[in-house]
Amino acid sequence: MEHRSLRFGCVCASNQNRSMEAHDLFLKNGFDVKSYGTGSSVKLPGQSMHQPNVYGFNTPYQTMLEELEAQDKDLYVQNGVLRMLKRNSNIKRAPERFQETSEKFDVIITFEDRVFEAVLDHFNSKRSRTFEMTHVVNLEVNDTHAHAAIGAKYALEFAMVMSSLRNLEDEFEEALSRFADSSNSPMKFSIQYY
């Protein structure tokens, strides 16, 4: 496959921070990318740790932004949530749930172990129809704005390596191993089928 001809999926829990930071960076670098969450709902920080703001997937980012701005603008400016929602609304309309998409990807990058497991569970719960291969990789990234930015750069470096391979299927495992060694970061991966 030619450079940048691969389709990438970026997946975190709520399709808000980590997957959207990567989605934004991938788009700016000319990659074919979509992003998703795997949770049962979208959770954003609230006025206390025990009271998150909870939304359904497909609730527009703009709606969330307006509601949180009305709720406590100073708090959500200070913790970066309004900036994040504004960025997200410039990329796409609303958070999407991975388990509800029919899109197919060459490489799916998750940003948390439990998200990786949710993606694998999704593939294992359905019957393969086309037997098209996808490579699922987990890059463990803490769910903070600072770590999401670092994780997105790391994911982009990984995407560039994968896009430079002549044959993704034949060279994937060796390239992944080299990348993990050079970055001194263990990476989980799995091959799944659509």
N, C-alpha and C. Protein backbone atom coordinates (compact mmCIF):
# COMPACT_ATOMS: atom_id res chain seq x y z
N MET A 1 0.83 -1.19 0.00
CA MET A 1 0.00 0.00 0.00
C MET A 1 0.87 1.24 0.00
N GLU A 2 0.40 2.25 -0.66
CA GLU A 2 1.16 3.49 -0.74
C GLU A 2 1.07 4.28 0.56
N HIS A 3 2.04 5.17 0.76
CA HIS A 3 2.06 6.00 1.95
C HIS A 3 0.73 6.74 2.10
N ARG A 4 0.20 6.71 3.30
CA ARG A 4 -1.05 7.38 3.68
C ARG A 4 -2.30 6.81 2.99
N SER A 5 -2.21 5.63 2.42
CA SER A 5 -3.41 5.04 1.81
C SER A 5 -4.17 4.18 2.81
N LEU A 6 -3.63 3.99 4.00
CA LEU A 6 -4.30 3.19 5.01
C LEU A 6 -5.43 3.99 5.66
N ARG A 7 -6.45 3.27 6.10
CA ARG A 7 -7.55 3.88 6.86
C ARG A 7 -7.31 3.59 8.34
N PHE A 8 -7.35 4.64 9.15
CA PHE A 8 -7.11 4.50 10.59
C PHE A 8 -8.37 4.82 11.38
N GLY A 9 -8.60 4.03 12.43
CA GLY A 9 -9.63 4.32 13.41
C GLY A 9 -8.95 4.60 14.74
N CYS A 10 -9.32 5.68 15.40
CA CYS A 10 -8.78 6.04 16.71
C CYS A 10 -9.91 5.92 17.73
N VAL A 11 -9.67 5.16 18.80
CA VAL A 11 -10.76 4.82 19.71
C VAL A 11 -10.36 5.02 21.17
N CYS A 12 -11.19 5.77 21.90
CA CYS A 12 -11.03 5.89 23.35
C CYS A 12 -12.40 5.58 23.98
N ALA A 13 -12.60 5.93 25.22
CA ALA A 13 -13.85 5.57 25.90
C ALA A 13 -15.04 6.42 25.44
N SER A 14 -14.85 7.75 25.38
CA SER A 14 -15.99 8.64 25.12
C SER A 14 -15.91 9.42 23.81
N ASN A 15 -14.88 9.22 23.01
CA ASN A 15 -14.69 9.96 21.76
C ASN A 15 -14.67 11.46 22.02
N GLN A 16 -13.90 11.84 23.06
CA GLN A 16 -13.80 13.24 23.46
C GLN A 16 -12.37 13.74 23.47
N ASN A 17 -11.50 13.07 24.21
CA ASN A 17 -10.17 13.60 24.46
C ASN A 17 -9.10 12.90 23.63
N ARG A 18 -8.75 11.68 23.98
CA ARG A 18 -7.61 11.00 23.34
C ARG A 18 -7.86 10.69 21.87
N SER A 19 -9.00 10.10 21.55
CA SER A 19 -9.26 9.75 20.15
C SER A 19 -9.43 11.00 19.29
N MET A 20 -10.00 12.05 19.86
CA MET A 20 -10.21 13.28 19.09
C MET A 20 -8.92 14.08 18.93
N GLU A 21 -8.05 14.04 19.91
CA GLU A 21 -6.73 14.69 19.77
C GLU A 21 -5.97 14.02 18.63
N ALA A 22 -6.00 12.69 18.60
CA ALA A 22 -5.34 11.95 17.52
C ALA A 22 -6.03 12.21 16.18
N HIS A 23 -7.37 12.20 16.17
CA HIS A 23 -8.14 12.45 14.95
C HIS A 23 -7.71 13.79 14.34
N ASP A 24 -7.65 14.81 15.17
CA ASP A 24 -7.25 16.15 14.73
C ASP A 24 -5.84 16.15 14.13
N LEU A 25 -4.90 15.54 14.82
CA LEU A 25 -3.51 15.52 14.35
C LEU A 25 -3.37 14.70 13.07
N PHE A 26 -4.08 13.58 12.98
CA PHE A 26 -4.03 12.75 11.77
C PHE A 26 -4.58 13.54 10.57
N LEU A 27 -5.70 14.23 10.77
CA LEU A 27 -6.27 15.04 9.68
C LEU A 27 -5.29 16.10 9.21
N LYS A 28 -4.65 16.78 10.14
CA LYS A 28 -3.70 17.84 9.80
C LYS A 28 -2.50 17.30 9.03
N ASN A 29 -2.25 15.99 9.13
CA ASN A 29 -1.13 15.37 8.43
C ASN A 29 -1.58 14.52 7.24
N GLY A 30 -2.83 14.71 6.82
CA GLY A 30 -3.31 14.10 5.58
C GLY A 30 -3.70 12.64 5.66
N PHE A 31 -3.98 12.13 6.84
CA PHE A 31 -4.36 10.72 6.97
C PHE A 31 -5.88 10.54 6.86
N ASP A 32 -6.27 9.37 6.38
CA ASP A 32 -7.68 8.97 6.31
C ASP A 32 -8.01 8.39 7.69
N VAL A 33 -8.81 9.10 8.49
CA VAL A 33 -9.03 8.72 9.88
C VAL A 33 -10.46 9.02 10.32
N LYS A 34 -10.96 8.20 11.22
CA LYS A 34 -12.23 8.42 11.91
C LYS A 34 -11.97 8.11 13.39
N SER A 35 -12.84 8.60 14.26
CA SER A 35 -12.64 8.35 15.68
C SER A 35 -13.95 7.93 16.35
N TYR A 36 -13.79 7.20 17.47
CA TYR A 36 -14.94 6.60 18.15
C TYR A 36 -14.68 6.48 19.65
N GLY A 37 -15.75 6.13 20.37
CA GLY A 37 -15.67 5.74 21.77
C GLY A 37 -16.30 4.35 21.91
N THR A 38 -16.03 3.69 23.03
CA THR A 38 -16.60 2.35 23.24
C THR A 38 -17.51 2.27 24.45
N GLY A 39 -17.61 3.35 25.23
CA GLY A 39 -18.40 3.31 26.45
C GLY A 39 -19.89 3.21 26.17
N SER A 40 -20.67 3.05 27.24
CA SER A 40 -22.13 3.01 27.09
C SER A 40 -22.69 4.42 26.99
N SER A 41 -21.90 5.41 27.45
CA SER A 41 -22.30 6.82 27.36
C SER A 41 -21.03 7.66 27.29
N VAL A 42 -21.23 8.95 27.05
CA VAL A 42 -20.12 9.90 26.97
C VAL A 42 -20.04 10.62 28.31
N LYS A 43 -18.86 10.53 28.94
CA LYS A 43 -18.70 11.17 30.25
C LYS A 43 -17.65 12.28 30.16
N LEU A 44 -18.02 13.43 30.72
CA LEU A 44 -17.13 14.57 30.81
C LEU A 44 -17.00 14.98 32.27
N PRO A 45 -15.88 15.60 32.64
CA PRO A 45 -15.74 16.05 34.03
C PRO A 45 -16.91 16.94 34.43
N GLY A 46 -17.33 16.79 35.69
CA GLY A 46 -18.42 17.62 36.22
C GLY A 46 -17.90 18.55 37.29
N GLN A 47 -18.80 19.05 38.08
CA GLN A 47 -18.42 19.98 39.13
C GLN A 47 -17.75 19.28 40.30
N SER A 48 -17.87 17.94 40.34
CA SER A 48 -17.10 17.14 41.31
C SER A 48 -16.76 15.81 40.64
N MET A 49 -15.81 15.09 41.23
CA MET A 49 -15.40 13.80 40.65
C MET A 49 -16.56 12.81 40.62
N HIS A 50 -17.49 12.95 41.56
CA HIS A 50 -18.58 11.99 41.69
C HIS A 50 -19.81 12.37 40.89
N GLN A 51 -19.74 13.51 40.20
CA GLN A 51 -20.88 13.97 39.41
C GLN A 51 -20.43 14.36 38.00
N PRO A 52 -20.06 13.37 37.17
CA PRO A 52 -19.66 13.71 35.79
C PRO A 52 -20.87 14.18 34.99
N ASN A 53 -20.60 14.87 33.92
CA ASN A 53 -21.64 15.22 32.96
C ASN A 53 -21.75 14.03 32.00
N VAL A 54 -22.93 13.48 31.87
CA VAL A 54 -23.14 12.28 31.07
C VAL A 54 -24.07 12.60 29.90
N TYR A 55 -23.64 12.19 28.71
CA TYR A 55 -24.41 12.41 27.48
C TYR A 55 -24.49 11.10 26.70
N GLY A 56 -25.47 11.01 25.85
CA GLY A 56 -25.54 9.88 24.94
C GLY A 56 -24.62 10.11 23.76
N PHE A 57 -24.12 9.04 23.17
CA PHE A 57 -23.38 9.18 21.92
C PHE A 57 -24.32 9.84 20.90
N ASN A 58 -23.76 10.54 19.96
CA ASN A 58 -24.48 11.28 18.92
C ASN A 58 -25.07 12.60 19.42
N THR A 59 -24.84 12.96 20.71
CA THR A 59 -25.20 14.29 21.18
C THR A 59 -24.17 15.26 20.59
N PRO A 60 -24.59 16.28 19.87
CA PRO A 60 -23.61 17.17 19.23
C PRO A 60 -22.64 17.80 20.23
N TYR A 61 -21.40 17.89 19.83
CA TYR A 61 -20.38 18.55 20.67
C TYR A 61 -20.81 19.98 20.99
N GLN A 62 -21.43 20.65 20.02
CA GLN A 62 -21.87 22.03 20.22
C GLN A 62 -22.91 22.11 21.33
N THR A 63 -23.81 21.14 21.41
CA THR A 63 -24.82 21.10 22.47
C THR A 63 -24.15 20.97 23.83
N MET A 64 -23.18 20.07 23.93
CA MET A 64 -22.45 19.88 25.19
C MET A 64 -21.74 21.18 25.58
N LEU A 65 -21.09 21.78 24.61
CA LEU A 65 -20.35 23.03 24.84
C LEU A 65 -21.28 24.10 25.41
N GLU A 66 -22.43 24.29 24.79
CA GLU A 66 -23.37 25.32 25.23
C GLU A 66 -23.91 25.03 26.62
N GLU A 67 -24.23 23.76 26.90
CA GLU A 67 -24.77 23.40 28.21
C GLU A 67 -23.73 23.60 29.32
N LEU A 68 -22.50 23.19 29.07
CA LEU A 68 -21.47 23.33 30.10
C LEU A 68 -21.06 24.78 30.30
N GLU A 69 -21.09 25.54 29.23
CA GLU A 69 -20.79 26.97 29.33
C GLU A 69 -21.84 27.65 30.21
N ALA A 70 -23.10 27.26 30.05
CA ALA A 70 -24.18 27.83 30.86
C ALA A 70 -24.11 27.33 32.31
N GLN A 71 -23.65 26.09 32.48
CA GLN A 71 -23.58 25.50 33.82
C GLN A 71 -22.52 26.18 34.69
N ASP A 72 -21.29 26.32 34.15
CA ASP A 72 -20.19 26.92 34.93
C ASP A 72 -19.02 27.20 33.99
N LYS A 73 -19.13 28.30 33.26
CA LYS A 73 -18.14 28.62 32.22
C LYS A 73 -16.72 28.67 32.77
N ASP A 74 -16.53 29.33 33.92
CA ASP A 74 -15.18 29.46 34.49
C ASP A 74 -14.54 28.10 34.75
N LEU A 75 -15.30 27.19 35.36
CA LEU A 75 -14.78 25.85 35.66
C LEU A 75 -14.35 25.13 34.39
N TYR A 76 -15.22 25.14 33.37
CA TYR A 76 -14.94 24.37 32.16
C TYR A 76 -13.93 25.03 31.23
N VAL A 77 -13.70 26.33 31.41
CA VAL A 77 -12.58 26.98 30.72
C VAL A 77 -11.29 26.56 31.42
N GLN A 78 -11.31 26.62 32.75
CA GLN A 78 -10.12 26.30 33.54
C GLN A 78 -9.65 24.85 33.33
N ASN A 79 -10.59 23.91 33.28
CA ASN A 79 -10.17 22.50 33.14
C ASN A 79 -10.02 22.07 31.68
N GLY A 80 -10.21 22.98 30.73
CA GLY A 80 -9.95 22.70 29.32
C GLY A 80 -11.06 22.00 28.57
N VAL A 81 -12.19 21.75 29.23
CA VAL A 81 -13.27 21.01 28.58
C VAL A 81 -13.90 21.82 27.45
N LEU A 82 -14.09 23.12 27.64
CA LEU A 82 -14.71 23.92 26.57
C LEU A 82 -13.81 24.00 25.33
N ARG A 83 -12.51 24.16 25.55
CA ARG A 83 -11.57 24.17 24.41
C ARG A 83 -11.63 22.84 23.67
N MET A 84 -11.66 21.73 24.43
CA MET A 84 -11.72 20.40 23.83
C MET A 84 -13.00 20.24 23.00
N LEU A 85 -14.14 20.66 23.55
CA LEU A 85 -15.41 20.52 22.83
C LEU A 85 -15.45 21.40 21.58
N LYS A 86 -14.84 22.59 21.66
CA LYS A 86 -14.77 23.46 20.48
C LYS A 86 -13.94 22.79 19.39
N ARG A 87 -12.77 22.25 19.77
CA ARG A 87 -11.94 21.53 18.79
C ARG A 87 -12.74 20.38 18.18
N ASN A 88 -13.40 19.59 19.03
CA ASN A 88 -14.15 18.44 18.54
C ASN A 88 -15.23 18.85 17.55
N SER A 89 -15.95 19.93 17.86
CA SER A 89 -17.05 20.36 16.99
C SER A 89 -16.53 20.87 15.64
N ASN A 90 -15.26 21.26 15.59
CA ASN A 90 -14.66 21.67 14.32
C ASN A 90 -14.24 20.46 13.47
N ILE A 91 -14.17 19.29 14.08
CA ILE A 91 -13.75 18.08 13.38
C ILE A 91 -14.95 17.27 12.88
N LYS A 92 -15.94 17.11 13.76
CA LYS A 92 -17.14 16.36 13.38
C LYS A 92 -18.30 16.79 14.28
N ARG A 93 -19.48 16.37 13.94
CA ARG A 93 -20.69 16.84 14.62
C ARG A 93 -20.82 16.32 16.05
N ALA A 94 -20.58 15.01 16.27
CA ALA A 94 -20.90 14.40 17.57
C ALA A 94 -20.03 13.17 17.81
N PRO A 95 -19.89 12.77 19.08
CA PRO A 95 -19.16 11.53 19.36
C PRO A 95 -19.91 10.32 18.82
N GLU A 96 -19.14 9.37 18.32
CA GLU A 96 -19.72 8.16 17.74
C GLU A 96 -19.23 6.94 18.52
N ARG A 97 -20.07 5.92 18.55
CA ARG A 97 -19.74 4.69 19.27
C ARG A 97 -19.19 3.66 18.28
N PHE A 98 -18.03 3.10 18.61
CA PHE A 98 -17.36 2.15 17.72
C PHE A 98 -18.26 0.96 17.39
N GLN A 99 -18.96 0.46 18.38
CA GLN A 99 -19.79 -0.73 18.19
C GLN A 99 -20.95 -0.50 17.23
N GLU A 100 -21.21 0.76 16.87
CA GLU A 100 -22.34 1.07 15.99
C GLU A 100 -21.92 1.47 14.57
N THR A 101 -20.62 1.40 14.28
CA THR A 101 -20.19 1.81 12.95
C THR A 101 -20.03 0.61 12.02
N SER A 102 -20.25 0.85 10.75
CA SER A 102 -20.00 -0.18 9.74
C SER A 102 -18.72 0.12 8.96
N GLU A 103 -18.03 1.18 9.35
CA GLU A 103 -16.75 1.55 8.70
C GLU A 103 -15.72 0.45 8.90
N LYS A 104 -14.81 0.34 7.94
CA LYS A 104 -13.73 -0.64 8.04
C LYS A 104 -12.40 0.09 8.01
N PHE A 105 -11.44 -0.41 8.79
CA PHE A 105 -10.14 0.23 8.93
C PHE A 105 -9.02 -0.79 8.75
N ASP A 106 -7.89 -0.30 8.24
CA ASP A 106 -6.71 -1.15 8.15
C ASP A 106 -6.06 -1.29 9.52
N VAL A 107 -6.05 -0.18 10.26
CA VAL A 107 -5.43 -0.15 11.60
C VAL A 107 -6.37 0.59 12.54
N ILE A 108 -6.62 -0.01 13.70
CA ILE A 108 -7.42 0.61 14.75
C ILE A 108 -6.49 0.84 15.94
N ILE A 109 -6.40 2.09 16.38
CA ILE A 109 -5.55 2.44 17.51
C ILE A 109 -6.44 2.77 18.70
N THR A 110 -6.28 2.03 19.79
CA THR A 110 -6.99 2.32 21.03
C THR A 110 -6.01 2.98 22.00
N PHE A 111 -6.56 3.69 22.99
CA PHE A 111 -5.72 4.46 23.89
C PHE A 111 -5.86 4.05 25.36
N GLU A 112 -6.42 2.87 25.57
CA GLU A 112 -6.58 2.36 26.94
C GLU A 112 -6.87 0.87 26.86
N ASP A 113 -6.36 0.12 27.81
CA ASP A 113 -6.51 -1.32 27.79
C ASP A 113 -7.97 -1.76 27.75
N ARG A 114 -8.81 -1.14 28.56
CA ARG A 114 -10.23 -1.56 28.58
C ARG A 114 -10.93 -1.23 27.26
N VAL A 115 -10.48 -0.19 26.56
CA VAL A 115 -11.02 0.15 25.24
C VAL A 115 -10.57 -0.89 24.22
N PHE A 116 -9.29 -1.27 24.29
CA PHE A 116 -8.74 -2.33 23.44
C PHE A 116 -9.59 -3.60 23.61
N GLU A 117 -9.86 -3.98 24.86
CA GLU A 117 -10.66 -5.18 25.13
C GLU A 117 -12.08 -5.04 24.60
N ALA A 118 -12.66 -3.84 24.70
CA ALA A 118 -14.02 -3.61 24.18
C ALA A 118 -14.06 -3.75 22.66
N VAL A 119 -13.02 -3.28 21.99
CA VAL A 119 -12.94 -3.42 20.53
C VAL A 119 -12.83 -4.90 20.16
N LEU A 120 -11.97 -5.64 20.87
CA LEU A 120 -11.84 -7.07 20.58
C LEU A 120 -13.14 -7.81 20.87
N ASP A 121 -13.81 -7.46 21.97
CA ASP A 121 -15.11 -8.09 22.29
C ASP A 121 -16.11 -7.85 21.18
N HIS A 122 -16.10 -6.64 20.62
CA HIS A 122 -17.01 -6.32 19.52
C HIS A 122 -16.76 -7.23 18.31
N PHE A 123 -15.49 -7.38 17.95
CA PHE A 123 -15.18 -8.26 16.81
C PHE A 123 -15.53 -9.71 17.12
N ASN A 124 -15.29 -10.14 18.35
CA ASN A 124 -15.56 -11.54 18.71
C ASN A 124 -17.04 -11.84 18.85
N SER A 125 -17.86 -10.81 19.04
CA SER A 125 -19.29 -11.04 19.23
C SER A 125 -20.07 -11.09 17.92
N LYS A 126 -19.41 -10.75 16.81
CA LYS A 126 -20.14 -10.78 15.55
C LYS A 126 -19.51 -11.81 14.62
N ARG A 127 -20.30 -12.27 13.69
CA ARG A 127 -19.79 -13.23 12.73
C ARG A 127 -19.09 -12.48 11.61
N SER A 128 -17.92 -12.96 11.26
CA SER A 128 -17.19 -12.34 10.15
C SER A 128 -17.97 -12.53 8.86
N ARG A 129 -18.03 -11.48 8.07
CA ARG A 129 -18.76 -11.55 6.81
C ARG A 129 -17.82 -11.46 5.62
N THR A 130 -16.82 -10.60 5.71
CA THR A 130 -15.95 -10.38 4.56
C THR A 130 -14.55 -10.94 4.76
N PHE A 131 -14.20 -11.23 5.99
CA PHE A 131 -12.87 -11.72 6.35
C PHE A 131 -11.76 -10.75 5.96
N GLU A 132 -12.11 -9.46 5.92
CA GLU A 132 -11.09 -8.43 5.70
C GLU A 132 -10.37 -8.21 7.03
N MET A 133 -9.05 -8.18 6.95
CA MET A 133 -8.23 -8.09 8.14
C MET A 133 -8.11 -6.65 8.63
N THR A 134 -8.06 -6.49 9.96
CA THR A 134 -7.71 -5.21 10.57
C THR A 134 -6.72 -5.48 11.70
N HIS A 135 -5.86 -4.53 11.95
CA HIS A 135 -4.84 -4.64 13.00
C HIS A 135 -5.24 -3.70 14.13
N VAL A 136 -5.47 -4.26 15.31
CA VAL A 136 -5.88 -3.47 16.47
C VAL A 136 -4.68 -3.33 17.40
N VAL A 137 -4.33 -2.09 17.74
CA VAL A 137 -3.15 -1.81 18.56
C VAL A 137 -3.55 -0.91 19.72
N ASN A 138 -3.03 -1.21 20.90
CA ASN A 138 -3.29 -0.34 22.05
C ASN A 138 -2.04 0.44 22.43
N LEU A 139 -2.19 1.76 22.51
CA LEU A 139 -1.19 2.65 23.06
C LEU A 139 -1.78 3.17 24.36
N GLU A 140 -1.22 2.80 25.47
CA GLU A 140 -1.79 3.20 26.77
C GLU A 140 -1.51 4.69 27.01
N VAL A 141 -2.57 5.49 27.12
CA VAL A 141 -2.45 6.94 27.29
C VAL A 141 -3.41 7.39 28.39
N ASN A 142 -2.90 8.09 29.39
CA ASN A 142 -3.75 8.63 30.46
C ASN A 142 -4.74 9.62 29.87
N ASP A 143 -5.93 9.68 30.47
CA ASP A 143 -7.00 10.54 29.96
C ASP A 143 -6.90 11.95 30.54
N THR A 144 -5.82 12.65 30.18
CA THR A 144 -5.66 14.06 30.52
C THR A 144 -5.36 14.79 29.21
N HIS A 145 -5.57 16.10 29.18
CA HIS A 145 -5.30 16.85 27.96
C HIS A 145 -3.82 16.76 27.57
N ALA A 146 -2.93 16.88 28.55
CA ALA A 146 -1.49 16.84 28.26
C ALA A 146 -1.07 15.48 27.73
N HIS A 147 -1.54 14.41 28.38
CA HIS A 147 -1.18 13.06 27.92
C HIS A 147 -1.81 12.75 26.56
N ALA A 148 -3.02 13.27 26.32
CA ALA A 148 -3.67 13.04 25.01
C ALA A 148 -2.85 13.65 23.89
N ALA A 149 -2.29 14.83 24.13
CA ALA A 149 -1.45 15.48 23.10
C ALA A 149 -0.20 14.66 22.82
N ILE A 150 0.44 14.16 23.86
CA ILE A 150 1.63 13.31 23.70
C ILE A 150 1.24 12.01 23.00
N GLY A 151 0.14 11.41 23.44
CA GLY A 151 -0.33 10.15 22.85
C GLY A 151 -0.67 10.29 21.38
N ALA A 152 -1.25 11.43 21.00
CA ALA A 152 -1.60 11.67 19.59
C ALA A 152 -0.34 11.73 18.73
N LYS A 153 0.70 12.39 19.23
CA LYS A 153 1.97 12.46 18.48
C LYS A 153 2.58 11.07 18.33
N TYR A 154 2.51 10.29 19.39
CA TYR A 154 3.02 8.93 19.37
C TYR A 154 2.22 8.08 18.36
N ALA A 155 0.89 8.23 18.38
CA ALA A 155 0.04 7.51 17.44
C ALA A 155 0.34 7.91 16.00
N LEU A 156 0.60 9.20 15.78
CA LEU A 156 0.94 9.68 14.43
C LEU A 156 2.26 9.07 13.95
N GLU A 157 3.25 9.03 14.83
CA GLU A 157 4.53 8.39 14.47
C GLU A 157 4.29 6.94 14.08
N PHE A 158 3.47 6.26 14.86
CA PHE A 158 3.14 4.86 14.56
C PHE A 158 2.43 4.75 13.21
N ALA A 159 1.47 5.64 12.94
CA ALA A 159 0.74 5.62 11.68
C ALA A 159 1.68 5.86 10.50
N MET A 160 2.66 6.75 10.67
CA MET A 160 3.63 7.00 9.60
C MET A 160 4.46 5.75 9.30
N VAL A 161 4.85 5.05 10.36
CA VAL A 161 5.61 3.80 10.16
C VAL A 161 4.74 2.78 9.42
N MET A 162 3.50 2.61 9.86
CA MET A 162 2.62 1.63 9.22
C MET A 162 2.34 2.00 7.76
N SER A 163 2.18 3.28 7.50
CA SER A 163 1.88 3.74 6.14
C SER A 163 3.07 3.60 5.20
N SER A 164 4.27 3.49 5.75
CA SER A 164 5.46 3.37 4.91
C SER A 164 5.75 1.92 4.52
N LEU A 165 5.04 0.97 5.10
CA LEU A 165 5.28 -0.44 4.79
C LEU A 165 4.80 -0.77 3.38
N ARG A 166 5.52 -1.63 2.72
CA ARG A 166 5.10 -2.06 1.38
C ARG A 166 3.88 -2.97 1.47
N ASN A 167 3.88 -3.85 2.47
CA ASN A 167 2.77 -4.80 2.64
C ASN A 167 2.43 -4.88 4.12
N LEU A 168 1.33 -4.27 4.50
CA LEU A 168 0.94 -4.18 5.91
C LEU A 168 0.80 -5.57 6.54
N GLU A 169 0.14 -6.47 5.86
CA GLU A 169 -0.11 -7.80 6.42
C GLU A 169 1.19 -8.55 6.69
N ASP A 170 2.13 -8.48 5.75
CA ASP A 170 3.38 -9.24 5.90
C ASP A 170 4.37 -8.59 6.86
N GLU A 171 4.37 -7.26 6.93
CA GLU A 171 5.40 -6.55 7.68
C GLU A 171 4.94 -5.97 9.01
N PHE A 172 3.65 -6.09 9.31
CA PHE A 172 3.08 -5.42 10.48
C PHE A 172 3.76 -5.79 11.80
N GLU A 173 3.82 -7.08 12.11
CA GLU A 173 4.32 -7.50 13.42
C GLU A 173 5.77 -7.07 13.64
N GLU A 174 6.59 -7.22 12.63
CA GLU A 174 8.00 -6.83 12.77
C GLU A 174 8.13 -5.32 12.95
N ALA A 175 7.36 -4.54 12.18
CA ALA A 175 7.40 -3.08 12.29
C ALA A 175 6.88 -2.63 13.66
N LEU A 176 5.83 -3.28 14.14
CA LEU A 176 5.28 -2.95 15.46
C LEU A 176 6.31 -3.23 16.55
N SER A 177 6.97 -4.36 16.45
CA SER A 177 7.99 -4.73 17.44
C SER A 177 9.13 -3.71 17.45
N ARG A 178 9.60 -3.32 16.26
CA ARG A 178 10.66 -2.31 16.18
C ARG A 178 10.21 -0.98 16.77
N PHE A 179 8.98 -0.58 16.46
CA PHE A 179 8.45 0.69 16.96
C PHE A 179 8.35 0.65 18.49
N ALA A 180 7.81 -0.44 19.03
CA ALA A 180 7.67 -0.56 20.48
C ALA A 180 9.02 -0.54 21.17
N ASP A 181 10.02 -1.21 20.58
CA ASP A 181 11.38 -1.22 21.15
C ASP A 181 12.00 0.17 21.12
N SER A 182 11.87 0.86 19.99
CA SER A 182 12.50 2.17 19.85
C SER A 182 11.85 3.21 20.75
N SER A 183 10.56 3.04 21.04
CA SER A 183 9.86 4.00 21.89
C SER A 183 9.85 3.56 23.35
N ASN A 184 10.39 2.36 23.61
CA ASN A 184 10.45 1.82 24.97
C ASN A 184 9.06 1.78 25.61
N SER A 185 8.09 1.38 24.82
CA SER A 185 6.71 1.33 25.30
C SER A 185 6.05 0.03 24.85
N PRO A 186 5.61 -0.80 25.81
CA PRO A 186 4.94 -2.04 25.40
C PRO A 186 3.62 -1.74 24.70
N MET A 187 3.32 -2.48 23.66
CA MET A 187 2.09 -2.26 22.91
C MET A 187 1.38 -3.59 22.72
N LYS A 188 0.09 -3.61 23.03
CA LYS A 188 -0.73 -4.79 22.78
C LYS A 188 -1.24 -4.70 21.35
N PHE A 189 -1.40 -5.85 20.71
CA PHE A 189 -2.02 -5.83 19.39
C PHE A 189 -2.78 -7.13 19.15
N SER A 190 -3.67 -7.08 18.19
CA SER A 190 -4.45 -8.25 17.81
C SER A 190 -4.87 -8.09 16.36
N ILE A 191 -4.92 -9.18 15.66
CA ILE A 191 -5.46 -9.17 14.30
C ILE A 191 -6.91 -9.64 14.38
N GLN A 192 -7.79 -8.86 13.79
CA GLN A 192 -9.22 -9.19 13.80
C GLN A 192 -9.75 -9.16 12.37
N TYR A 193 -10.96 -9.65 12.18
CA TYR A 193 -11.56 -9.74 10.85
C TYR A 193 -12.96 -9.16 10.83
N TYR A 194 -13.27 -8.46 9.75
CA TYR A 194 -14.62 -7.92 9.57
C TYR A 194 -15.53 -9.00 9.02
